[in-house]
């Protein structure tokens, strides 16, 4: 990945991810988004997501989810989940996800997820910490 490229997590569609129709069961895609976000923390933000939760005692629960299912994904497909940052608000982050098969230019799935930064002990909303905001904004501006 070049420094100017958006981050893409590489995943494989597993047997347990498909439904009777032989395509990815739609709730599994939300899991793919979260897996990609966890990997993004380590690869781009230089902090593993576990540390964000356990040491910083912060969390990012989803409060809004929009997903467009454009093309089916099937068992064994190698996919890339691309992450974009649309906006970093006071306490919220708007994430963009696009799921690609590596040889294709058009996404199979596109999503927009709004998360809110919370204190893991009180579950109260907190401002996005400056160190996280700076890293997210630097990525967004690429």
N, C-alpha and C. Protein backbone atom coordinates (compact mmCIF):
# COMPACT_ATOMS: atom_id res chain seq x y z
N UNK A 1 0.85 -1.18 0.00
CA UNK A 1 0.00 0.00 0.00
C UNK A 1 0.89 1.24 0.00
N UNK A 2 0.67 2.11 -0.97
CA UNK A 2 1.43 3.35 -0.98
C UNK A 2 0.83 4.30 0.05
N UNK A 3 1.61 5.27 0.51
CA UNK A 3 1.10 6.19 1.53
C UNK A 3 -0.15 6.95 1.06
N UNK A 4 -0.34 7.09 -0.23
CA UNK A 4 -1.49 7.84 -0.75
C UNK A 4 -2.71 6.95 -0.97
N UNK A 5 -2.57 5.64 -0.86
CA UNK A 5 -3.68 4.72 -1.09
C UNK A 5 -4.54 4.59 0.16
N UNK A 6 -5.86 4.44 -0.04
CA UNK A 6 -6.69 4.17 1.13
C UNK A 6 -6.36 2.79 1.70
N UNK A 7 -6.54 2.65 2.99
CA UNK A 7 -6.28 1.37 3.65
C UNK A 7 -7.31 0.34 3.21
N UNK A 8 -6.84 -0.88 2.91
CA UNK A 8 -7.72 -1.99 2.57
C UNK A 8 -7.32 -3.21 3.40
N UNK A 9 -8.27 -3.72 4.17
CA UNK A 9 -8.08 -4.97 4.89
C UNK A 9 -8.45 -6.11 3.96
N UNK A 10 -7.61 -7.14 3.94
CA UNK A 10 -7.86 -8.29 3.07
C UNK A 10 -8.48 -9.41 3.88
N UNK A 11 -9.64 -9.89 3.41
CA UNK A 11 -10.38 -10.94 4.08
C UNK A 11 -10.81 -12.00 3.08
N UNK A 12 -11.25 -13.13 3.57
CA UNK A 12 -11.77 -14.20 2.74
C UNK A 12 -13.16 -14.56 3.26
N UNK A 13 -14.12 -14.72 2.36
CA UNK A 13 -15.47 -15.13 2.75
C UNK A 13 -15.41 -16.59 3.18
N UNK A 14 -15.79 -16.84 4.40
CA UNK A 14 -15.76 -18.19 4.99
C UNK A 14 -17.12 -18.86 4.83
N UNK A 15 -17.13 -20.20 4.97
CA UNK A 15 -18.35 -20.98 4.83
C UNK A 15 -19.42 -20.51 5.81
N UNK A 16 -19.03 -20.18 7.04
CA UNK A 16 -19.97 -19.73 8.04
C UNK A 16 -20.55 -18.35 7.78
N UNK A 17 -20.06 -17.67 6.75
CA UNK A 17 -20.54 -16.33 6.42
C UNK A 17 -21.67 -16.33 5.39
N UNK A 18 -21.94 -17.50 4.80
CA UNK A 18 -22.92 -17.53 3.71
C UNK A 18 -24.27 -18.05 4.19
N UNK A 19 -25.30 -17.73 3.42
CA UNK A 19 -26.65 -18.17 3.75
C UNK A 19 -27.07 -19.29 2.78
N UNK A 20 -28.32 -19.69 2.86
CA UNK A 20 -28.84 -20.77 2.02
C UNK A 20 -28.72 -20.46 0.53
N UNK A 21 -28.73 -19.18 0.17
CA UNK A 21 -28.62 -18.78 -1.24
C UNK A 21 -27.17 -18.86 -1.74
N UNK A 22 -26.22 -19.13 -0.82
CA UNK A 22 -24.82 -19.24 -1.22
C UNK A 22 -24.09 -17.92 -1.29
N UNK A 23 -24.68 -16.87 -0.73
CA UNK A 23 -24.04 -15.55 -0.72
C UNK A 23 -23.85 -15.11 0.73
N UNK A 24 -23.02 -14.09 0.91
CA UNK A 24 -22.75 -13.61 2.27
C UNK A 24 -24.06 -13.14 2.90
N UNK A 25 -24.33 -13.67 4.08
CA UNK A 25 -25.48 -13.27 4.87
C UNK A 25 -25.23 -11.84 5.33
N UNK A 26 -26.17 -10.95 5.06
CA UNK A 26 -25.92 -9.52 5.21
C UNK A 26 -25.37 -9.07 6.56
N UNK A 27 -25.79 -9.65 7.72
CA UNK A 27 -25.19 -9.17 8.97
C UNK A 27 -23.68 -9.45 9.07
N UNK A 28 -23.21 -10.46 8.33
CA UNK A 28 -21.77 -10.76 8.36
C UNK A 28 -20.96 -9.60 7.78
N UNK A 29 -21.54 -8.84 6.87
CA UNK A 29 -20.82 -7.70 6.30
C UNK A 29 -20.52 -6.66 7.36
N UNK A 30 -21.43 -6.48 8.31
CA UNK A 30 -21.17 -5.53 9.39
C UNK A 30 -19.96 -6.01 10.19
N UNK A 31 -19.85 -7.31 10.38
CA UNK A 31 -18.66 -7.86 11.05
C UNK A 31 -17.40 -7.58 10.24
N UNK A 32 -17.47 -7.72 8.92
CA UNK A 32 -16.32 -7.41 8.07
C UNK A 32 -15.88 -5.96 8.26
N UNK A 33 -16.84 -5.04 8.35
CA UNK A 33 -16.51 -3.63 8.55
C UNK A 33 -15.76 -3.45 9.86
N UNK A 34 -16.25 -4.12 10.89
CA UNK A 34 -15.60 -3.97 12.20
C UNK A 34 -14.21 -4.59 12.21
N UNK A 35 -14.05 -5.74 11.58
CA UNK A 35 -12.72 -6.37 11.50
C UNK A 35 -11.76 -5.43 10.77
N UNK A 36 -12.21 -4.84 9.68
CA UNK A 36 -11.36 -3.90 8.93
C UNK A 36 -11.00 -2.70 9.79
N UNK A 37 -11.96 -2.19 10.58
CA UNK A 37 -11.68 -1.05 11.45
C UNK A 37 -10.63 -1.41 12.49
N UNK A 38 -10.76 -2.60 13.08
CA UNK A 38 -9.76 -3.03 14.07
C UNK A 38 -8.37 -3.08 13.45
N UNK A 39 -8.27 -3.63 12.26
CA UNK A 39 -6.97 -3.72 11.58
C UNK A 39 -6.45 -2.33 11.19
N UNK A 40 -7.36 -1.45 10.81
CA UNK A 40 -7.02 -0.07 10.46
C UNK A 40 -6.36 0.64 11.65
N UNK A 41 -6.87 0.40 12.85
CA UNK A 41 -6.28 1.01 14.04
C UNK A 41 -4.80 0.68 14.14
N UNK A 42 -4.45 -0.59 14.01
CA UNK A 42 -3.04 -0.98 14.12
C UNK A 42 -2.20 -0.52 12.95
N UNK A 43 -2.72 -0.70 11.73
CA UNK A 43 -1.93 -0.43 10.53
C UNK A 43 -1.79 1.06 10.23
N UNK A 44 -2.81 1.84 10.51
CA UNK A 44 -2.80 3.26 10.12
C UNK A 44 -2.70 4.19 11.33
N UNK A 45 -3.47 3.90 12.36
CA UNK A 45 -3.50 4.80 13.52
C UNK A 45 -2.42 4.49 14.55
N UNK A 46 -1.71 3.41 14.34
CA UNK A 46 -0.55 3.01 15.16
C UNK A 46 -0.91 2.74 16.62
N UNK A 47 -2.11 2.21 16.83
CA UNK A 47 -2.52 1.71 18.14
C UNK A 47 -3.47 0.55 17.87
N UNK A 48 -3.24 -0.57 18.54
CA UNK A 48 -4.17 -1.67 18.29
C UNK A 48 -5.49 -1.38 18.99
N UNK A 49 -6.57 -1.89 18.42
CA UNK A 49 -7.90 -1.57 18.91
C UNK A 49 -8.10 -2.06 20.34
N UNK A 50 -7.49 -3.17 20.68
CA UNK A 50 -7.59 -3.69 22.05
C UNK A 50 -7.05 -2.67 23.05
N UNK A 51 -5.94 -2.04 22.72
CA UNK A 51 -5.37 -1.01 23.61
C UNK A 51 -6.28 0.21 23.70
N UNK A 52 -6.88 0.57 22.58
CA UNK A 52 -7.82 1.69 22.58
C UNK A 52 -8.94 1.42 23.59
N UNK A 53 -9.44 0.19 23.59
CA UNK A 53 -10.52 -0.18 24.51
C UNK A 53 -10.02 -0.33 25.94
N UNK A 54 -8.97 -1.13 26.12
CA UNK A 54 -8.56 -1.53 27.47
C UNK A 54 -7.67 -0.51 28.19
N UNK A 55 -6.76 0.14 27.48
CA UNK A 55 -5.86 1.09 28.13
C UNK A 55 -6.42 2.51 28.14
N UNK A 56 -6.99 2.93 27.02
CA UNK A 56 -7.56 4.28 26.95
C UNK A 56 -8.99 4.30 27.48
N UNK A 57 -9.60 3.13 27.61
CA UNK A 57 -10.97 2.98 28.13
C UNK A 57 -11.97 3.77 27.29
N UNK A 58 -11.77 3.72 25.97
CA UNK A 58 -12.66 4.36 25.02
C UNK A 58 -13.25 3.31 24.10
N UNK A 59 -14.41 3.60 23.56
CA UNK A 59 -15.07 2.70 22.61
C UNK A 59 -15.75 3.50 21.53
N UNK A 60 -16.10 2.82 20.45
CA UNK A 60 -16.72 3.48 19.29
C UNK A 60 -17.96 2.70 18.83
N UNK A 61 -19.02 2.69 19.62
CA UNK A 61 -20.21 1.97 19.16
C UNK A 61 -20.86 2.67 17.97
N UNK A 62 -21.44 1.86 17.09
CA UNK A 62 -22.16 2.39 15.93
C UNK A 62 -23.50 2.94 16.38
N UNK A 63 -23.85 4.12 15.85
CA UNK A 63 -25.15 4.71 16.15
C UNK A 63 -26.00 4.89 14.88
N UNK A 64 -25.38 4.72 13.73
CA UNK A 64 -26.10 4.79 12.45
C UNK A 64 -25.36 3.92 11.44
N UNK A 65 -26.14 3.22 10.63
CA UNK A 65 -25.57 2.29 9.65
C UNK A 65 -26.38 2.37 8.37
N UNK A 66 -25.69 2.61 7.26
CA UNK A 66 -26.32 2.61 5.93
C UNK A 66 -25.47 1.70 5.05
N UNK A 67 -26.11 0.75 4.39
CA UNK A 67 -25.37 -0.20 3.56
C UNK A 67 -26.08 -0.36 2.22
N UNK A 68 -25.31 -0.30 1.15
CA UNK A 68 -25.81 -0.60 -0.18
C UNK A 68 -25.17 -1.92 -0.63
N UNK A 69 -26.02 -2.90 -0.89
CA UNK A 69 -25.58 -4.22 -1.36
C UNK A 69 -25.66 -4.20 -2.88
N UNK A 70 -24.53 -4.11 -3.54
CA UNK A 70 -24.49 -3.89 -4.97
C UNK A 70 -24.28 -5.17 -5.79
N UNK A 71 -23.45 -6.08 -5.28
CA UNK A 71 -23.17 -7.34 -5.96
C UNK A 71 -22.97 -8.41 -4.89
N UNK A 72 -23.44 -9.62 -5.15
CA UNK A 72 -23.29 -10.67 -4.13
C UNK A 72 -21.84 -11.10 -3.95
N UNK A 73 -21.51 -11.46 -2.73
CA UNK A 73 -20.21 -12.05 -2.42
C UNK A 73 -20.46 -13.51 -2.07
N UNK A 74 -19.54 -14.39 -2.49
CA UNK A 74 -19.75 -15.82 -2.35
C UNK A 74 -18.62 -16.47 -1.54
N UNK A 75 -18.91 -17.66 -1.08
CA UNK A 75 -17.94 -18.46 -0.33
C UNK A 75 -16.62 -18.54 -1.10
N UNK A 76 -15.53 -18.25 -0.42
CA UNK A 76 -14.19 -18.33 -1.01
C UNK A 76 -13.72 -17.05 -1.67
N UNK A 77 -14.61 -16.08 -1.85
CA UNK A 77 -14.18 -14.81 -2.45
C UNK A 77 -13.11 -14.16 -1.57
N UNK A 78 -12.06 -13.70 -2.21
CA UNK A 78 -11.06 -12.87 -1.54
C UNK A 78 -11.54 -11.44 -1.71
N UNK A 79 -11.65 -10.74 -0.61
CA UNK A 79 -12.19 -9.39 -0.66
C UNK A 79 -11.26 -8.41 0.04
N UNK A 80 -11.43 -7.16 -0.31
CA UNK A 80 -10.71 -6.07 0.34
C UNK A 80 -11.75 -5.08 0.86
N UNK A 81 -11.63 -4.74 2.13
CA UNK A 81 -12.53 -3.77 2.74
C UNK A 81 -11.76 -2.46 2.88
N UNK A 82 -12.13 -1.50 2.06
CA UNK A 82 -11.47 -0.19 2.05
C UNK A 82 -12.14 0.72 3.06
N UNK A 83 -11.31 1.47 3.79
CA UNK A 83 -11.82 2.39 4.81
C UNK A 83 -11.54 3.82 4.41
N UNK A 84 -12.58 4.64 4.54
CA UNK A 84 -12.46 6.08 4.36
C UNK A 84 -13.02 6.78 5.59
N UNK A 85 -12.54 7.96 5.85
CA UNK A 85 -13.06 8.78 6.94
C UNK A 85 -13.76 9.97 6.29
N UNK A 86 -15.07 10.06 6.47
CA UNK A 86 -15.82 11.17 5.91
C UNK A 86 -15.71 12.42 6.78
N UNK A 87 -15.82 12.23 8.10
CA UNK A 87 -15.82 13.38 8.99
C UNK A 87 -15.46 12.94 10.41
N UNK A 88 -14.72 13.80 11.09
CA UNK A 88 -14.46 13.61 12.51
C UNK A 88 -15.14 14.78 13.22
N UNK A 89 -16.20 14.47 13.95
CA UNK A 89 -16.94 15.50 14.68
C UNK A 89 -16.39 15.65 16.08
N UNK A 90 -17.13 16.32 16.94
CA UNK A 90 -16.69 16.49 18.32
C UNK A 90 -16.57 15.14 19.02
N UNK A 91 -17.61 14.32 18.93
CA UNK A 91 -17.56 13.01 19.57
C UNK A 91 -17.84 11.88 18.58
N UNK A 92 -18.14 12.22 17.36
CA UNK A 92 -18.50 11.19 16.37
C UNK A 92 -17.46 11.08 15.26
N UNK A 93 -17.49 9.92 14.61
CA UNK A 93 -16.65 9.67 13.43
C UNK A 93 -17.56 9.05 12.38
N UNK A 94 -17.51 9.58 11.17
CA UNK A 94 -18.27 8.98 10.07
C UNK A 94 -17.28 8.20 9.21
N UNK A 95 -17.47 6.90 9.17
CA UNK A 95 -16.63 5.96 8.44
C UNK A 95 -17.31 5.60 7.12
N UNK A 96 -16.50 5.41 6.08
CA UNK A 96 -16.97 4.90 4.79
C UNK A 96 -16.27 3.56 4.54
N UNK A 97 -17.04 2.59 4.11
CA UNK A 97 -16.48 1.27 3.79
C UNK A 97 -16.89 0.90 2.38
N UNK A 98 -15.96 0.34 1.62
CA UNK A 98 -16.24 -0.21 0.30
C UNK A 98 -15.61 -1.58 0.25
N UNK A 99 -16.39 -2.56 -0.17
CA UNK A 99 -15.90 -3.94 -0.24
C UNK A 99 -15.68 -4.29 -1.71
N UNK A 100 -14.45 -4.67 -2.02
CA UNK A 100 -14.06 -4.99 -3.39
C UNK A 100 -13.56 -6.43 -3.50
N UNK A 101 -13.79 -7.02 -4.64
CA UNK A 101 -13.01 -8.18 -5.04
C UNK A 101 -11.77 -7.56 -5.68
N UNK A 102 -10.56 -8.08 -5.39
CA UNK A 102 -9.33 -7.40 -5.83
C UNK A 102 -9.25 -7.06 -7.31
N UNK A 103 -9.80 -7.87 -8.19
CA UNK A 103 -9.67 -7.61 -9.62
C UNK A 103 -10.75 -6.68 -10.15
N UNK A 104 -11.66 -6.22 -9.30
CA UNK A 104 -12.77 -5.40 -9.76
C UNK A 104 -12.64 -3.96 -9.27
N UNK A 105 -13.07 -3.03 -10.13
CA UNK A 105 -13.01 -1.61 -9.79
C UNK A 105 -14.27 -1.13 -9.07
N UNK A 106 -15.38 -1.80 -9.28
CA UNK A 106 -16.65 -1.41 -8.66
C UNK A 106 -16.83 -2.17 -7.36
N UNK A 107 -17.26 -1.48 -6.30
CA UNK A 107 -17.47 -2.19 -5.03
C UNK A 107 -18.68 -3.12 -5.09
N UNK A 108 -18.60 -4.19 -4.33
CA UNK A 108 -19.74 -5.10 -4.17
C UNK A 108 -20.67 -4.58 -3.08
N UNK A 109 -20.10 -3.85 -2.13
CA UNK A 109 -20.85 -3.31 -1.01
C UNK A 109 -20.26 -1.93 -0.67
N UNK A 110 -21.14 -0.99 -0.32
CA UNK A 110 -20.69 0.32 0.14
C UNK A 110 -21.48 0.65 1.41
N UNK A 111 -20.78 1.20 2.40
CA UNK A 111 -21.44 1.48 3.67
C UNK A 111 -20.96 2.79 4.26
N UNK A 112 -21.80 3.35 5.09
CA UNK A 112 -21.49 4.56 5.86
C UNK A 112 -21.93 4.25 7.29
N UNK A 113 -20.99 4.35 8.22
CA UNK A 113 -21.28 4.05 9.62
C UNK A 113 -20.85 5.23 10.47
N UNK A 114 -21.74 5.66 11.34
CA UNK A 114 -21.43 6.72 12.30
C UNK A 114 -21.19 6.05 13.65
N UNK A 115 -20.04 6.33 14.24
CA UNK A 115 -19.73 5.85 15.58
C UNK A 115 -19.60 7.05 16.51
N UNK A 116 -19.81 6.79 17.79
CA UNK A 116 -19.66 7.84 18.80
C UNK A 116 -18.62 7.37 19.81
N UNK A 117 -17.70 8.24 20.13
CA UNK A 117 -16.66 7.94 21.11
C UNK A 117 -17.28 7.96 22.51
N UNK A 118 -17.08 6.86 23.25
CA UNK A 118 -17.63 6.79 24.60
C UNK A 118 -16.56 6.39 25.61
N UNK A 119 -16.82 6.73 26.85
CA UNK A 119 -16.03 6.26 27.99
C UNK A 119 -16.51 4.84 28.28
N UNK A 120 -15.61 3.87 28.27
CA UNK A 120 -15.99 2.47 28.44
C UNK A 120 -16.50 2.16 29.86
N UNK A 121 -16.19 3.00 30.82
CA UNK A 121 -16.64 2.74 32.19
C UNK A 121 -18.03 3.30 32.46
N UNK A 122 -18.31 4.47 31.92
CA UNK A 122 -19.61 5.11 32.18
C UNK A 122 -20.57 5.00 31.00
N UNK A 123 -20.06 4.66 29.83
CA UNK A 123 -20.82 4.63 28.58
C UNK A 123 -21.38 6.00 28.22
N UNK A 124 -20.71 7.03 28.69
CA UNK A 124 -21.08 8.39 28.35
C UNK A 124 -20.25 8.86 27.15
N UNK A 125 -20.87 9.71 26.35
CA UNK A 125 -20.21 10.27 25.18
C UNK A 125 -19.02 11.11 25.62
N UNK A 126 -17.92 11.00 24.86
CA UNK A 126 -16.70 11.78 25.11
C UNK A 126 -16.23 12.39 23.80
N UNK A 127 -15.53 13.50 23.89
CA UNK A 127 -14.90 14.10 22.70
C UNK A 127 -13.86 13.13 22.15
N UNK A 128 -13.71 13.15 20.84
CA UNK A 128 -12.64 12.36 20.22
C UNK A 128 -11.33 12.95 20.72
N UNK A 129 -10.44 12.13 21.32
CA UNK A 129 -9.18 12.68 21.83
C UNK A 129 -8.35 13.30 20.70
N UNK A 130 -7.60 14.34 21.05
CA UNK A 130 -6.80 15.06 20.06
C UNK A 130 -5.87 14.14 19.29
N UNK A 131 -5.20 13.20 19.97
CA UNK A 131 -4.25 12.31 19.28
C UNK A 131 -4.97 11.46 18.22
N UNK A 132 -6.18 11.02 18.52
CA UNK A 132 -6.94 10.21 17.55
C UNK A 132 -7.47 11.09 16.43
N UNK A 133 -7.97 12.26 16.77
CA UNK A 133 -8.47 13.20 15.77
C UNK A 133 -7.37 13.55 14.76
N UNK A 134 -6.17 13.84 15.25
CA UNK A 134 -5.06 14.20 14.36
C UNK A 134 -4.73 13.06 13.40
N UNK A 135 -4.71 11.84 13.89
CA UNK A 135 -4.38 10.69 13.03
C UNK A 135 -5.48 10.42 12.01
N UNK A 136 -6.73 10.52 12.44
CA UNK A 136 -7.85 10.32 11.51
C UNK A 136 -7.88 11.41 10.45
N UNK A 137 -7.66 12.65 10.85
CA UNK A 137 -7.67 13.77 9.89
C UNK A 137 -6.51 13.65 8.90
N UNK A 138 -5.34 13.23 9.38
CA UNK A 138 -4.20 13.05 8.48
C UNK A 138 -4.51 11.99 7.43
N UNK A 139 -5.15 10.92 7.85
CA UNK A 139 -5.54 9.85 6.91
C UNK A 139 -6.59 10.38 5.93
N UNK A 140 -7.58 11.08 6.46
CA UNK A 140 -8.68 11.60 5.62
C UNK A 140 -8.18 12.55 4.56
N UNK A 141 -7.17 13.33 4.89
CA UNK A 141 -6.66 14.34 3.96
C UNK A 141 -5.78 13.77 2.86
N UNK A 142 -5.39 12.50 2.97
CA UNK A 142 -4.54 11.90 1.93
C UNK A 142 -5.24 11.84 0.60
